[in-house]
Amino acid sequence: MPVYEYKCPCCKTRLELRRGFNDESPVLCPQCGSNACRVFSPVPVIFKGSGFYSTDYRQNKGHEPEKEETEKTKADSSKDSD
């Protein structure tokens, strides 16, 4: 059976109750006796493995060198080796 969190709108008391999925009986606050409302909170999501970050698919840090730059560096390196 799941555990649900409830909050009283009158006295702001928070409580947790273990209830069945089909249990529709009202939940009463233990402090003041008024009807408590169920609190919905986001579920944590954990991404494991590769493919979840922008850096997983990049091999060259965001952009490819232009052809002119590579040809220029090759020409410069051939001059240096002569």
C-alpha atoms as a PDB file:
ATOM      1  CA  MET A   1       0.000   0.000   0.000  1.00  0.00           C
ATOM      2  CA  PRO A   2       1.381   3.432  -0.917  1.00  0.00           C
ATOM      3  CA  VAL A   3       2.081   6.248   1.529  1.00  0.00           C
ATOM      4  CA  TYR A   4       0.370   9.572   0.790  1.00  0.00           C
ATOM      5  CA  GLU A   5       1.095  13.016   2.225  1.00  0.00           C
ATOM      6  CA  TYR A   6      -1.785  15.195   3.427  1.00  0.00           C
ATOM      7  CA  LYS A   7      -1.990  18.807   4.628  1.00  0.00           C
ATOM      8  CA  CYS A   8      -4.711  20.412   6.695  1.00  0.00           C
ATOM      9  CA  PRO A   9      -5.926  23.714   5.148  1.00  0.00           C
ATOM     10  CA  CYS A  10      -6.933  25.100   8.558  1.00  0.00           C
ATOM     11  CA  CYS A  11      -3.969  24.455  10.866  1.00  0.00           C
ATOM     12  CA  LYS A  12      -1.334  23.610   8.151  1.00  0.00           C
ATOM     13  CA  THR A  13      -0.473  20.288   9.816  1.00  0.00           C
ATOM     14  CA  ARG A  14       1.210  17.761   7.491  1.00  0.00           C
ATOM     15  CA  LEU A  15       0.744  14.019   7.907  1.00  0.00           C
ATOM     16  CA  GLU A  16       1.540  10.822   6.032  1.00  0.00           C
ATOM     17  CA  LEU A  17      -0.917   7.945   5.735  1.00  0.00           C
ATOM     18  CA  ARG A  18      -0.649   4.482   4.225  1.00  0.00           C
ATOM     19  CA  ARG A  19      -3.805   3.999   2.192  1.00  0.00           C
ATOM     20  CA  GLY A  20      -5.054   1.640  -0.499  1.00  0.00           C
ATOM     21  CA  PHE A  21      -5.530   2.757  -4.081  1.00  0.00           C
ATOM     22  CA  ASN A  22      -9.320   2.478  -3.863  1.00  0.00           C
ATOM     23  CA  ASP A  23      -9.713   3.935  -0.358  1.00  0.00           C
ATOM     24  CA  GLU A  24     -11.959   6.993  -0.746  1.00  0.00           C
ATOM     25  CA  SER A  25     -12.769   7.721   2.902  1.00  0.00           C
ATOM     26  CA  PRO A  26     -12.050  11.321   3.985  1.00  0.00           C
ATOM     27  CA  VAL A  27      -8.828  12.019   5.850  1.00  0.00           C
ATOM     28  CA  LEU A  28      -9.285  14.016   9.033  1.00  0.00           C
ATOM     29  CA  CYS A  29      -6.599  16.166  10.629  1.00  0.00           C
ATOM     30  CA  PRO A  30      -5.481  14.734  13.993  1.00  0.00           C
ATOM     31  CA  GLN A  31      -5.074  18.266  15.453  1.00  0.00           C
ATOM     32  CA  CYS A  32      -8.274  20.114  14.502  1.00  0.00           C
ATOM     33  CA  GLY A  33     -10.483  17.426  12.928  1.00  0.00           C
ATOM     34  CA  SER A  34     -11.081  19.148   9.573  1.00  0.00           C
ATOM     35  CA  ASN A  35     -10.684  17.452   6.177  1.00  0.00           C
ATOM     36  CA  ALA A  36      -7.064  17.240   5.027  1.00  0.00           C
ATOM     37  CA  CYS A  37      -6.087  17.640   1.359  1.00  0.00           C
ATOM     38  CA  ARG A  38      -3.670  15.366  -0.435  1.00  0.00           C
ATOM     39  CA  VAL A  39      -0.324  16.961  -1.374  1.00  0.00           C
ATOM     40  CA  PHE A  40       1.139  16.149  -4.783  1.00  0.00           C
ATOM     41  CA  SER A  41       4.888  16.469  -5.183  1.00  0.00           C
ATOM     42  CA  PRO A  42       7.140  15.839  -8.196  1.00  0.00           C
ATOM     43  CA  VAL A  43       8.834  12.492  -8.572  1.00  0.00           C
ATOM     44  CA  PRO A  44      12.636  12.587  -8.792  1.00  0.00           C
ATOM     45  CA  VAL A  45      14.011  11.398 -12.130  1.00  0.00           C
ATOM     46  CA  ILE A  46      17.544  10.022 -12.388  1.00  0.00           C
ATOM     47  CA  PHE A  47      19.138   9.736 -15.820  1.00  0.00           C
ATOM     48  CA  LYS A  48      21.737   6.980 -15.932  1.00  0.00           C
ATOM     49  CA  GLY A  49      23.960   6.025 -18.830  1.00  0.00           C
ATOM     50  CA  SER A  50      25.260   7.929 -21.802  1.00  0.00           C
ATOM     51  CA  GLY A  51      23.263  10.139 -24.116  1.00  0.00           C
ATOM     52  CA  PHE A  52      21.694  12.508 -21.584  1.00  0.00           C
ATOM     53  CA  TYR A  53      24.194  15.347 -21.717  1.00  0.00           C
ATOM     54  CA  SER A  54      24.986  17.650 -24.624  1.00  0.00           C
ATOM     55  CA  THR A  55      28.667  16.709 -24.392  1.00  0.00           C
ATOM     56  CA  ASP A  56      28.021  12.987 -24.941  1.00  0.00           C
ATOM     57  CA  TYR A  57      27.692  13.282 -28.719  1.00  0.00           C
ATOM     58  CA  ARG A  58      30.220  16.007 -29.421  1.00  0.00           C
ATOM     59  CA  GLN A  59      33.687  14.964 -30.421  1.00  0.00           C
ATOM     60  CA  ASN A  60      35.138  18.351 -31.329  1.00  0.00           C
ATOM     61  CA  LYS A  61      33.729  20.739 -28.721  1.00  0.00           C
ATOM     62  CA  GLY A  62      30.911  22.216 -30.773  1.00  0.00           C
ATOM     63  CA  HIS A  63      32.130  22.970 -34.308  1.00  0.00           C
ATOM     64  CA  GLU A  64      34.228  21.525 -37.065  1.00  0.00           C
ATOM     65  CA  PRO A  65      37.282  23.420 -38.328  1.00  0.00           C
ATOM     66  CA  GLU A  66      36.799  25.045 -41.693  1.00  0.00           C
ATOM     67  CA  LYS A  67      38.536  23.563 -44.735  1.00  0.00           C
ATOM     68  CA  GLU A  68      40.533  26.731 -45.341  1.00  0.00           C
ATOM     69  CA  GLU A  69      41.974  26.605 -41.843  1.00  0.00           C
ATOM     70  CA  THR A  70      43.029  22.960 -42.158  1.00  0.00           C
ATOM     71  CA  GLU A  71      44.661  23.526 -45.550  1.00  0.00           C
ATOM     72  CA  LYS A  72      46.424  26.613 -44.170  1.00  0.00           C
ATOM     73  CA  THR A  73      47.785  24.709 -41.162  1.00  0.00           C
ATOM     74  CA  LYS A  74      48.942  21.846 -43.409  1.00  0.00           C
ATOM     75  CA  ALA A  75      50.814  24.319 -45.640  1.00  0.00           C
ATOM     76  CA  ASP A  76      52.415  25.977 -42.623  1.00  0.00           C
ATOM     77  CA  SER A  77      53.522  22.646 -41.154  1.00  0.00           C
ATOM     78  CA  SER A  78      55.068  21.553 -44.486  1.00  0.00           C
ATOM     79  CA  LYS A  79      57.098  24.810 -44.601  1.00  0.00           C
ATOM     80  CA  ASP A  80      58.372  24.197 -41.083  1.00  0.00           C
ATOM     81  CA  SER A  81      59.547  20.670 -41.903  1.00  0.00           C
ATOM     82  CA  ASP A  82      61.582  21.826 -44.948  1.00  0.00           C
END
